[in-house]
Amino acid sequence: MPYLSTINDLVAGSVGGAAQVLVGQPLDTVKTRAQIAPKGMFKGPMDVLAQTVRKEGFFALYKGMASPLLGIAGVNSLLFASYVYSKRIVSPFPQLSLKEIAIAGAMAGAANAILASPVEMFKVRMQGQYGAATDKKLRNVAKEMWRDWGFRNGIMRGYWVTFVREIPAYAGFYTAFEFSKRKFQNKYGDKVPVWALLASGSAGGIAYWLSCYPLDVIKSRIQLRQTPPTGKPWKYMTNEIRMVIAESGVTGLFRGLSPSLLRTIPAGASTFAAFELTREFLSESTGA
């Protein structure tokens, strides 16, 4: 039954996404804090890691994890469905060119922003708490954002910059993944070794961040602010870029990039392993 196969893929994708969050969250916290911390608070990513563990304990590296864990099923389902549908729009043929893959990836990223934005907003606001007695739990953060700012300026804060980020990010991700996988297929045929798929996934993850990283810095800063941005999206995004450059130079737009790139390898491996094991189990259990 085709629908059972689709459900199996979506469930497996959610389990893979959860594995990615569990494995990648510590480095994600280091990345986010490097982006949003006040100037002079940390010397670099390693100092973020050391200070966080020393002052707040090891599990502080998992701050903000609840939001992506709760939202991963919806985010992955939307991304998966959007990418499949986008490929059909772009080309009636099953084998797309890399240019067409990039377009389909960009379209899927644009659609994905509507769920990715609130999930990441809550994550960033949790990661931006440094162990003070006034630190809030996720439910309190959610209540306050809704009560004080409502849906548009609270829950969806940072949507437009997330939208702009996801377009080049997923164009880069899917293009790099397909390029790498096809190179391996030329050598190994259709049955590509597991390590080659992991390498392709890592290539995709690296391309994701290299395609969009300055926009991710801007997104994190906007979502952490006490008040929502005002004016046209392109204006407040441009102003935020100018503020980062004024504070830290152009390199400020790339703060936290190294842990993001390091995170792609273990996070990608865990995602793939969890996805494949879950899909195999569900396939045997349902016969689909």
C-alpha atoms as a PDB file:
ATOM      1  CA  MET A   1       0.000   0.000   0.000  1.00  0.00           C
ATOM      2  CA  PRO A   2       1.632   3.255  -1.154  1.00  0.00           C
ATOM      3  CA  TYR A   3       0.276   5.338   1.724  1.00  0.00           C
ATOM      4  CA  LEU A   4       1.839   2.964   4.277  1.00  0.00           C
ATOM      5  CA  SER A   5       5.208   3.367   2.600  1.00  0.00           C
ATOM      6  CA  THR A   6       4.854   7.159   2.777  1.00  0.00           C
ATOM      7  CA  ILE A   7       3.861   6.999   6.448  1.00  0.00           C
ATOM      8  CA  ASN A   8       6.861   4.761   7.145  1.00  0.00           C
ATOM      9  CA  ASP A   9       9.170   7.283   5.467  1.00  0.00           C
ATOM     10  CA  LEU A  10       7.698  10.169   7.456  1.00  0.00           C
ATOM     11  CA  VAL A  11       7.990   8.292  10.762  1.00  0.00           C
ATOM     12  CA  ALA A  12      11.541   7.219   9.946  1.00  0.00           C
ATOM     13  CA  GLY A  13      12.360  10.793   8.976  1.00  0.00           C
ATOM     14  CA  SER A  14      11.063  12.049  12.312  1.00  0.00           C
ATOM     15  CA  VAL A  15      13.138   9.477  14.226  1.00  0.00           C
ATOM     16  CA  GLY A  16      16.184  10.448  12.146  1.00  0.00           C
ATOM     17  CA  GLY A  17      15.527  14.109  12.879  1.00  0.00           C
ATOM     18  CA  ALA A  18      15.247  13.412  16.600  1.00  0.00           C
ATOM     19  CA  ALA A  19      18.580  11.577  16.493  1.00  0.00           C
ATOM     20  CA  GLN A  20      20.104  14.585  14.735  1.00  0.00           C
ATOM     21  CA  VAL A  21      18.857  16.904  17.479  1.00  0.00           C
ATOM     22  CA  LEU A  22      20.128  14.668  20.289  1.00  0.00           C
ATOM     23  CA  VAL A  23      23.585  14.295  18.758  1.00  0.00           C
ATOM     24  CA  GLY A  24      23.958  17.791  17.330  1.00  0.00           C
ATOM     25  CA  GLN A  25      22.410  19.953  20.082  1.00  0.00           C
ATOM     26  CA  PRO A  26      25.614  20.610  22.107  1.00  0.00           C
ATOM     27  CA  LEU A  27      27.440  22.060  19.103  1.00  0.00           C
ATOM     28  CA  ASP A  28      24.277  23.904  18.059  1.00  0.00           C
ATOM     29  CA  THR A  29      24.194  25.587  21.479  1.00  0.00           C
ATOM     30  CA  VAL A  30      27.852  26.562  21.092  1.00  0.00           C
ATOM     31  CA  LYS A  31      27.078  27.966  17.638  1.00  0.00           C
ATOM     32  CA  THR A  32      24.058  29.949  18.777  1.00  0.00           C
ATOM     33  CA  ARG A  33      25.788  31.415  21.822  1.00  0.00           C
ATOM     34  CA  ALA A  34      28.753  32.428  19.689  1.00  0.00           C
ATOM     35  CA  GLN A  35      26.289  34.301  17.455  1.00  0.00           C
ATOM     36  CA  ILE A  36      24.203  36.063  20.105  1.00  0.00           C
ATOM     37  CA  ALA A  37      26.437  36.591  23.149  1.00  0.00           C
ATOM     38  CA  PRO A  38      27.309  40.183  24.103  1.00  0.00           C
ATOM     39  CA  LYS A  39      30.659  41.352  22.763  1.00  0.00           C
ATOM     40  CA  GLY A  40      33.536  40.204  24.968  1.00  0.00           C
ATOM     41  CA  MET A  41      31.578  37.516  26.803  1.00  0.00           C
ATOM     42  CA  PHE A  42      33.363  34.681  24.997  1.00  0.00           C
ATOM     43  CA  LYS A  43      36.715  34.479  23.228  1.00  0.00           C
ATOM     44  CA  GLY A  44      35.505  31.941  20.678  1.00  0.00           C
ATOM     45  CA  PRO A  45      33.576  28.673  20.254  1.00  0.00           C
ATOM     46  CA  MET A  46      35.914  26.684  22.527  1.00  0.00           C
ATOM     47  CA  ASP A  47      35.497  29.299  25.239  1.00  0.00           C
ATOM     48  CA  VAL A  48      31.699  29.103  24.806  1.00  0.00           C
ATOM     49  CA  LEU A  49      31.931  25.348  25.368  1.00  0.00           C
ATOM     50  CA  ALA A  50      34.282  25.614  28.347  1.00  0.00           C
ATOM     51  CA  GLN A  51      32.373  28.395  30.123  1.00  0.00           C
ATOM     52  CA  THR A  52      28.988  26.774  29.534  1.00  0.00           C
ATOM     53  CA  VAL A  53      30.069  23.444  31.027  1.00  0.00           C
ATOM     54  CA  ARG A  54      32.003  25.049  33.892  1.00  0.00           C
ATOM     55  CA  LYS A  55      29.304  27.527  34.957  1.00  0.00           C
ATOM     56  CA  GLU A  56      26.078  25.733  34.041  1.00  0.00           C
ATOM     57  CA  GLY A  57      26.982  22.067  33.807  1.00  0.00           C
ATOM     58  CA  PHE A  58      27.205  19.673  30.853  1.00  0.00           C
ATOM     59  CA  PHE A  59      23.455  19.474  30.271  1.00  0.00           C
ATOM     60  CA  ALA A  60      23.295  23.212  29.640  1.00  0.00           C
ATOM     61  CA  LEU A  61      24.578  22.300  26.178  1.00  0.00           C
ATOM     62  CA  TYR A  62      21.138  20.758  25.598  1.00  0.00           C
ATOM     63  CA  LYS A  63      19.219  23.952  26.336  1.00  0.00           C
ATOM     64  CA  GLY A  64      16.509  24.592  23.801  1.00  0.00           C
ATOM     65  CA  MET A  65      16.394  20.956  22.696  1.00  0.00           C
ATOM     66  CA  ALA A  66      12.707  20.495  23.547  1.00  0.00           C
ATOM     67  CA  SER A  67      11.539  22.865  20.816  1.00  0.00           C
ATOM     68  CA  PRO A  68      13.181  21.057  17.856  1.00  0.00           C
ATOM     69  CA  LEU A  69      12.310  17.660  19.353  1.00  0.00           C
ATOM     70  CA  LEU A  70       8.645  18.622  19.582  1.00  0.00           C
ATOM     71  CA  GLY A  71       8.640  20.200  16.139  1.00  0.00           C
ATOM     72  CA  ILE A  72      10.843  17.742  14.249  1.00  0.00           C
ATOM     73  CA  ALA A  73       7.989  15.563  12.963  1.00  0.00           C
ATOM     74  CA  GLY A  74       6.170  18.522  11.439  1.00  0.00           C
ATOM     75  CA  VAL A  75       9.308  20.181  10.077  1.00  0.00           C
ATOM     76  CA  ASN A  76      10.665  16.994   8.487  1.00  0.00           C
ATOM     77  CA  SER A  77       7.273  16.009   7.080  1.00  0.00           C
ATOM     78  CA  LEU A  78       6.790  19.452   5.534  1.00  0.00           C
ATOM     79  CA  LEU A  79      10.300  19.511   4.089  1.00  0.00           C
ATOM     80  CA  PHE A  80      10.021  15.977   2.690  1.00  0.00           C
ATOM     81  CA  ALA A  81       6.618  16.612   1.105  1.00  0.00           C
ATOM     82  CA  SER A  82       7.630  20.043  -0.222  1.00  0.00           C
ATOM     83  CA  TYR A  83      10.789  18.711  -1.843  1.00  0.00           C
ATOM     84  CA  VAL A  84       8.985  15.814  -3.530  1.00  0.00           C
ATOM     85  CA  TYR A  85       6.230  18.127  -4.779  1.00  0.00           C
ATOM     86  CA  SER A  86       8.729  20.795  -5.882  1.00  0.00           C
ATOM     87  CA  LYS A  87      10.658  18.278  -7.974  1.00  0.00           C
ATOM     88  CA  ARG A  88       7.440  17.394  -9.793  1.00  0.00           C
ATOM     89  CA  ILE A  89       6.763  21.072 -10.490  1.00  0.00           C
ATOM     90  CA  VAL A  90      10.285  21.703 -11.741  1.00  0.00           C
ATOM     91  CA  SER A  91      10.466  18.698 -14.069  1.00  0.00           C
ATOM     92  CA  PRO A  92       8.177  15.879 -15.214  1.00  0.00           C
ATOM     93  CA  PHE A  93      11.199  13.572 -15.449  1.00  0.00           C
ATOM     94  CA  PRO A  94      12.516  11.579 -12.456  1.00  0.00           C
ATOM     95  CA  GLN A  95      16.195  12.456 -13.061  1.00  0.00           C
ATOM     96  CA  LEU A  96      16.640  16.196 -12.482  1.00  0.00           C
ATOM     97  CA  SER A  97      19.692  18.221 -13.409  1.00  0.00           C
ATOM     98  CA  LEU A  98      21.644  19.802 -10.570  1.00  0.00           C
ATOM     99  CA  LYS A  99      20.213  23.193 -11.515  1.00  0.00           C
ATOM    100  CA  GLU A 100      16.709  21.769 -11.230  1.00  0.00           C
ATOM    101  CA  ILE A 101      17.616  20.110  -7.923  1.00  0.00           C
ATOM    102  CA  ALA A 102      18.747  23.516  -6.625  1.00  0.00           C
ATOM    103  CA  ILE A 103      15.446  25.123  -7.662  1.00  0.00           C
ATOM    104  CA  ALA A 104      13.390  22.346  -6.049  1.00  0.00           C
ATOM    105  CA  GLY A 105      15.496  22.581  -2.883  1.00  0.00           C
ATOM    106  CA  ALA A 106      14.995  26.337  -2.740  1.00  0.00           C
ATOM    107  CA  MET A 107      11.226  25.906  -3.108  1.00  0.00           C
ATOM    108  CA  ALA A 108      11.154  23.284  -0.354  1.00  0.00           C
ATOM    109  CA  GLY A 109      13.203  25.552   1.901  1.00  0.00           C
ATOM    110  CA  ALA A 110      10.795  28.439   1.362  1.00  0.00           C
ATOM    111  CA  ALA A 111       7.857  26.227   2.356  1.00  0.00           C
ATOM    112  CA  ASN A 112       9.747  24.797   5.329  1.00  0.00           C
ATOM    113  CA  ALA A 113      10.318  28.238   6.877  1.00  0.00           C
ATOM    114  CA  ILE A 114       6.773  28.457   8.207  1.00  0.00           C
ATOM    115  CA  LEU A 115       7.464  25.690  10.746  1.00  0.00           C
ATOM    116  CA  ALA A 116      11.230  26.091  11.087  1.00  0.00           C
ATOM    117  CA  SER A 117      10.894  29.730  12.190  1.00  0.00           C
ATOM    118  CA  PRO A 118       8.920  29.245  15.449  1.00  0.00           C
ATOM    119  CA  VAL A 119      10.812  26.053  16.312  1.00  0.00           C
ATOM    120  CA  GLU A 120      14.133  27.886  16.024  1.00  0.00           C
ATOM    121  CA  MET A 121      12.865  31.042  17.725  1.00  0.00           C
ATOM    122  CA  PHE A 122      12.029  29.105  20.899  1.00  0.00           C
ATOM    123  CA  LYS A 123      15.315  27.188  20.695  1.00  0.00           C
ATOM    124  CA  VAL A 124      17.367  30.385  20.381  1.00  0.00           C
ATOM    125  CA  ARG A 125      15.578  32.075  23.279  1.00  0.00           C
ATOM    126  CA  MET A 126      16.259  29.063  25.502  1.00  0.00           C
ATOM    127  CA  GLN A 127      19.924  28.913  24.445  1.00  0.00           C
ATOM    128  CA  GLY A 128      20.280  32.628  25.165  1.00  0.00           C
ATOM    129  CA  GLN A 129      19.787  32.025  28.907  1.00  0.00           C
ATOM    130  CA  TYR A 130      23.021  31.645  30.844  1.00  0.00           C
ATOM    131  CA  GLY A 131      22.054  29.864  34.039  1.00  0.00           C
ATOM    132  CA  ALA A 132      20.645  32.787  36.040  1.00  0.00           C
ATOM    133  CA  ALA A 133      17.948  32.291  38.653  1.00  0.00           C
ATOM    134  CA  THR A 134      15.558  34.114  36.323  1.00  0.00           C
ATOM    135  CA  ASP A 135      15.980  31.611  33.483  1.00  0.00           C
ATOM    136  CA  LYS A 136      12.620  30.471  32.109  1.00  0.00           C
ATOM    137  CA  LYS A 137      11.308  27.102  30.997  1.00  0.00           C
ATOM    138  CA  LEU A 138      10.096  26.599  27.449  1.00  0.00           C
ATOM    139  CA  ARG A 139       6.420  26.758  28.374  1.00  0.00           C
ATOM    140  CA  ASN A 140       6.959  30.095  30.127  1.00  0.00           C
ATOM    141  CA  VAL A 141       8.843  31.502  27.139  1.00  0.00           C
ATOM    142  CA  ALA A 142       5.997  30.394  24.859  1.00  0.00           C
ATOM    143  CA  LYS A 143       3.343  31.920  27.128  1.00  0.00           C
ATOM    144  CA  GLU A 144       5.184  35.232  27.369  1.00  0.00           C
ATOM    145  CA  MET A 145       5.793  35.523  23.620  1.00  0.00           C
ATOM    146  CA  TRP A 146       2.122  34.844  22.931  1.00  0.00           C
ATOM    147  CA  ARG A 147       0.827  37.105  25.704  1.00  0.00           C
ATOM    148  CA  ASP A 148       3.148  40.054  25.008  1.00  0.00           C
ATOM    149  CA  TRP A 149       3.457  39.950  21.230  1.00  0.00           C
ATOM    150  CA  GLY A 150       0.862  37.596  19.767  1.00  0.00           C
ATOM    151  CA  PHE A 151       1.306  35.293  16.805  1.00  0.00           C
ATOM    152  CA  ARG A 152       2.957  37.481  14.181  1.00  0.00           C
ATOM    153  CA  ASN A 153       5.451  39.414  16.335  1.00  0.00           C
ATOM    154  CA  GLY A 154       5.873  36.731  18.986  1.00  0.00           C
ATOM    155  CA  ILE A 155       5.526  33.144  17.828  1.00  0.00           C
ATOM    156  CA  MET A 156       6.583  33.944  14.238  1.00  0.00           C
ATOM    157  CA  ARG A 157       9.326  36.415  15.104  1.00  0.00           C
ATOM    158  CA  GLY A 158      12.133  36.068  12.594  1.00  0.00           C
ATOM    159  CA  TYR A 159       9.952  34.395   9.966  1.00  0.00           C
ATOM    160  CA  TRP A 160      11.103  36.524   7.042  1.00  0.00           C
ATOM    161  CA  VAL A 161      14.791  36.133   7.748  1.00  0.00           C
ATOM    162  CA  THR A 162      14.222  32.370   8.206  1.00  0.00           C
ATOM    163  CA  PHE A 163      12.399  32.352   4.855  1.00  0.00           C
ATOM    164  CA  VAL A 164      15.312  34.145   3.168  1.00  0.00           C
ATOM    165  CA  ARG A 165      17.832  31.837   4.854  1.00  0.00           C
ATOM    166  CA  GLU A 166      16.122  28.566   3.951  1.00  0.00           C
ATOM    167  CA  ILE A 167      16.035  29.282   0.200  1.00  0.00           C
ATOM    168  CA  PRO A 168      19.823  29.252  -0.457  1.00  0.00           C
ATOM    169  CA  ALA A 169      20.378  26.796   2.406  1.00  0.00           C
ATOM    170  CA  TYR A 170      18.297  23.981   0.936  1.00  0.00           C
ATOM    171  CA  ALA A 171      19.303  24.800  -2.611  1.00  0.00           C
ATOM    172  CA  GLY A 172      22.879  24.242  -1.432  1.00  0.00           C
ATOM    173  CA  PHE A 173      22.045  21.186   0.662  1.00  0.00           C
ATOM    174  CA  TYR A 174      20.201  19.193  -1.995  1.00  0.00           C
ATOM    175  CA  THR A 175      22.573  20.202  -4.794  1.00  0.00           C
ATOM    176  CA  ALA A 176      25.683  19.150  -2.865  1.00  0.00           C
ATOM    177  CA  PHE A 177      24.024  15.938  -1.650  1.00  0.00           C
ATOM    178  CA  GLU A 178      22.923  14.916  -5.165  1.00  0.00           C
ATOM    179  CA  PHE A 179      26.239  15.926  -6.743  1.00  0.00           C
ATOM    180  CA  SER A 180      28.197  13.829  -4.242  1.00  0.00           C
ATOM    181  CA  LYS A 181      25.806  10.864  -4.437  1.00  0.00           C
ATOM    182  CA  ARG A 182      25.880  10.834  -8.236  1.00  0.00           C
ATOM    183  CA  LYS A 183      29.678  10.837  -8.222  1.00  0.00           C
ATOM    184  CA  PHE A 184      29.608   7.769  -5.990  1.00  0.00           C
ATOM    185  CA  GLN A 185      26.935   6.150  -8.200  1.00  0.00           C
ATOM    186  CA  ASN A 186      29.224   6.548 -11.199  1.00  0.00           C
ATOM    187  CA  LYS A 187      31.751   4.402  -9.371  1.00  0.00           C
ATOM    188  CA  TYR A 188      29.585   1.956  -7.386  1.00  0.00           C
ATOM    189  CA  GLY A 189      26.342   1.833  -9.341  1.00  0.00           C
ATOM    190  CA  ASP A 190      22.903   2.211  -7.763  1.00  0.00           C
ATOM    191  CA  LYS A 191      23.920   0.375  -4.573  1.00  0.00           C
ATOM    192  CA  VAL A 192      26.012   3.149  -3.043  1.00  0.00           C
ATOM    193  CA  PRO A 193      27.895   2.104   0.146  1.00  0.00           C
ATOM    194  CA  VAL A 194      26.604   3.450   3.444  1.00  0.00           C
ATOM    195  CA  TRP A 195      29.792   5.440   4.056  1.00  0.00           C
ATOM    196  CA  ALA A 196      29.323   7.152   0.673  1.00  0.00           C
ATOM    197  CA  LEU A 197      25.773   8.193   1.599  1.00  0.00           C
ATOM    198  CA  LEU A 198      27.078   9.525   4.912  1.00  0.00           C
ATOM    199  CA  ALA A 199      29.746  11.471   3.047  1.00  0.00           C
ATOM    200  CA  SER A 200      27.105  12.851   0.690  1.00  0.00           C
ATOM    201  CA  GLY A 201      24.938  13.883   3.632  1.00  0.00           C
ATOM    202  CA  SER A 202      27.905  15.626   5.236  1.00  0.00           C
ATOM    203  CA  ALA A 203      28.635  17.431   1.970  1.00  0.00           C
ATOM    204  CA  GLY A 204      25.027  18.579   1.909  1.00  0.00           C
ATOM    205  CA  GLY A 205      25.211  19.791   5.505  1.00  0.00           C
ATOM    206  CA  ILE A 206      28.397  21.750   4.872  1.00  0.00           C
ATOM    207  CA  ALA A 207      26.880  23.322   1.748  1.00  0.00           C
ATOM    208  CA  TYR A 208      23.767  24.214   3.762  1.00  0.00           C
ATOM    209  CA  TRP A 209      25.742  26.329   6.220  1.00  0.00           C
ATOM    210  CA  LEU A 210      28.139  27.844   3.686  1.00  0.00           C
ATOM    211  CA  SER A 211      25.148  28.931   1.592  1.00  0.00           C
ATOM    212  CA  CYS A 212      23.356  30.812   4.357  1.00  0.00           C
ATOM    213  CA  TYR A 213      25.473  31.343   7.458  1.00  0.00           C
ATOM    214  CA  PRO A 214      25.431  35.175   7.736  1.00  0.00           C
ATOM    215  CA  LEU A 215      21.630  35.028   7.472  1.00  0.00           C
ATOM    216  CA  ASP A 216      21.564  32.509  10.326  1.00  0.00           C
ATOM    217  CA  VAL A 217      23.524  34.943  12.518  1.00  0.00           C
ATOM    218  CA  ILE A 218      21.027  37.700  11.698  1.00  0.00           C
ATOM    219  CA  LYS A 219      18.086  35.377  12.373  1.00  0.00           C
ATOM    220  CA  SER A 220      19.373  34.373  15.808  1.00  0.00           C
ATOM    221  CA  ARG A 221      19.922  37.983  16.844  1.00  0.00           C
ATOM    222  CA  ILE A 222      16.489  39.099  15.652  1.00  0.00           C
ATOM    223  CA  GLN A 223      14.734  36.197  17.368  1.00  0.00           C
ATOM    224  CA  LEU A 224      16.509  36.833  20.678  1.00  0.00           C
ATOM    225  CA  ARG A 225      15.653  40.532  20.867  1.00  0.00           C
ATOM    226  CA  GLN A 226      13.313  41.700  23.622  1.00  0.00           C
ATOM    227  CA  THR A 227      11.191  43.549  21.062  1.00  0.00           C
ATOM    228  CA  PRO A 228      10.176  42.517  17.522  1.00  0.00           C
ATOM    229  CA  PRO A 229      11.778  44.157  14.483  1.00  0.00           C
ATOM    230  CA  THR A 230       9.928  47.026  12.849  1.00  0.00           C
ATOM    231  CA  GLY A 231       9.691  48.213   9.277  1.00  0.00           C
ATOM    232  CA  LYS A 232      10.131  46.274   6.055  1.00  0.00           C
ATOM    233  CA  PRO A 233      11.947  42.922   6.397  1.00  0.00           C
ATOM    234  CA  TRP A 234      14.741  43.827   3.978  1.00  0.00           C
ATOM    235  CA  LYS A 235      15.385  47.051   5.899  1.00  0.00           C
ATOM    236  CA  TYR A 236      15.679  45.515   9.353  1.00  0.00           C
ATOM    237  CA  MET A 237      17.772  42.637   7.992  1.00  0.00           C
ATOM    238  CA  THR A 238      20.138  45.130   6.337  1.00  0.00           C
ATOM    239  CA  ASN A 239      20.305  47.169   9.543  1.00  0.00           C
ATOM    240  CA  GLU A 240      21.142  44.051  11.550  1.00  0.00           C
ATOM    241  CA  ILE A 241      23.949  43.179   9.150  1.00  0.00           C
ATOM    242  CA  ARG A 242      25.346  46.705   9.535  1.00  0.00           C
ATOM    243  CA  MET A 243      25.162  46.418  13.328  1.00  0.00           C
ATOM    244  CA  VAL A 244      27.075  43.115  13.322  1.00  0.00           C
ATOM    245  CA  ILE A 245      29.777  44.554  11.070  1.00  0.00           C
ATOM    246  CA  ALA A 246      30.011  47.687  13.230  1.00  0.00           C
ATOM    247  CA  GLU A 247      30.420  45.557  16.371  1.00  0.00           C
ATOM    248  CA  SER A 248      32.718  42.792  15.130  1.00  0.00           C
ATOM    249  CA  GLY A 249      33.660  43.440  11.512  1.00  0.00           C
ATOM    250  CA  VAL A 250      32.707  41.169   8.631  1.00  0.00           C
ATOM    251  CA  THR A 251      33.958  38.159  10.617  1.00  0.00           C
ATOM    252  CA  GLY A 252      31.061  38.751  13.003  1.00  0.00           C
ATOM    253  CA  LEU A 253      28.744  37.415  10.312  1.00  0.00           C
ATOM    254  CA  PHE A 254      30.547  34.071  10.574  1.00  0.00           C
ATOM    255  CA  ARG A 255      30.773  33.672  14.356  1.00  0.00           C
ATOM    256  CA  GLY A 256      30.002  30.074  15.290  1.00  0.00           C
ATOM    257  CA  LEU A 257      30.548  28.689  11.792  1.00  0.00           C
ATOM    258  CA  SER A 258      33.182  26.159  12.853  1.00  0.00           C
ATOM    259  CA  PRO A 259      30.941  24.254  15.332  1.00  0.00           C
ATOM    260  CA  SER A 260      28.176  24.297  12.708  1.00  0.00           C
ATOM    261  CA  LEU A 261      30.445  22.618  10.166  1.00  0.00           C
ATOM    262  CA  LEU A 262      31.792  20.142  12.747  1.00  0.00           C
ATOM    263  CA  ARG A 263      28.242  19.275  13.756  1.00  0.00           C
ATOM    264  CA  THR A 264      27.276  18.125  10.248  1.00  0.00           C
ATOM    265  CA  ILE A 265      29.324  14.904  10.389  1.00  0.00           C
ATOM    266  CA  PRO A 266      28.020  13.248  13.605  1.00  0.00           C
ATOM    267  CA  ALA A 267      24.552  14.752  13.157  1.00  0.00           C
ATOM    268  CA  GLY A 268      24.328  13.529   9.569  1.00  0.00           C
ATOM    269  CA  ALA A 269      25.593  10.064  10.460  1.00  0.00           C
ATOM    270  CA  SER A 270      23.113   9.680  13.318  1.00  0.00           C
ATOM    271  CA  THR A 271      20.244  10.936  11.155  1.00  0.00           C
ATOM    272  CA  PHE A 272      20.964   8.458   8.401  1.00  0.00           C
ATOM    273  CA  ALA A 273      21.526   5.516  10.770  1.00  0.00           C
ATOM    274  CA  ALA A 274      18.327   6.199  12.725  1.00  0.00           C
ATOM    275  CA  PHE A 275      16.331   6.744   9.523  1.00  0.00           C
ATOM    276  CA  GLU A 276      17.524   3.518   7.883  1.00  0.00           C
ATOM    277  CA  LEU A 277      17.098   1.354  10.996  1.00  0.00           C
ATOM    278  CA  THR A 278      13.602   2.732  11.653  1.00  0.00           C
ATOM    279  CA  ARG A 279      12.505   2.382   8.045  1.00  0.00           C
ATOM    280  CA  GLU A 280      13.795  -1.208   7.919  1.00  0.00           C
ATOM    281  CA  PHE A 281      11.934  -2.060  11.133  1.00  0.00           C
ATOM    282  CA  LEU A 282       8.684  -0.465   9.921  1.00  0.00           C
ATOM    283  CA  SER A 283       9.000  -2.104   6.516  1.00  0.00           C
ATOM    284  CA  GLU A 284       9.288  -5.542   8.121  1.00  0.00           C
ATOM    285  CA  SER A 285       6.457  -4.786  10.573  1.00  0.00           C
ATOM    286  CA  THR A 286       3.967  -3.390   8.030  1.00  0.00           C
ATOM    287  CA  GLY A 287       5.090  -5.166   4.859  1.00  0.00           C
ATOM    288  CA  ALA A 288       5.259  -1.796   3.069  1.00  0.00           C
END
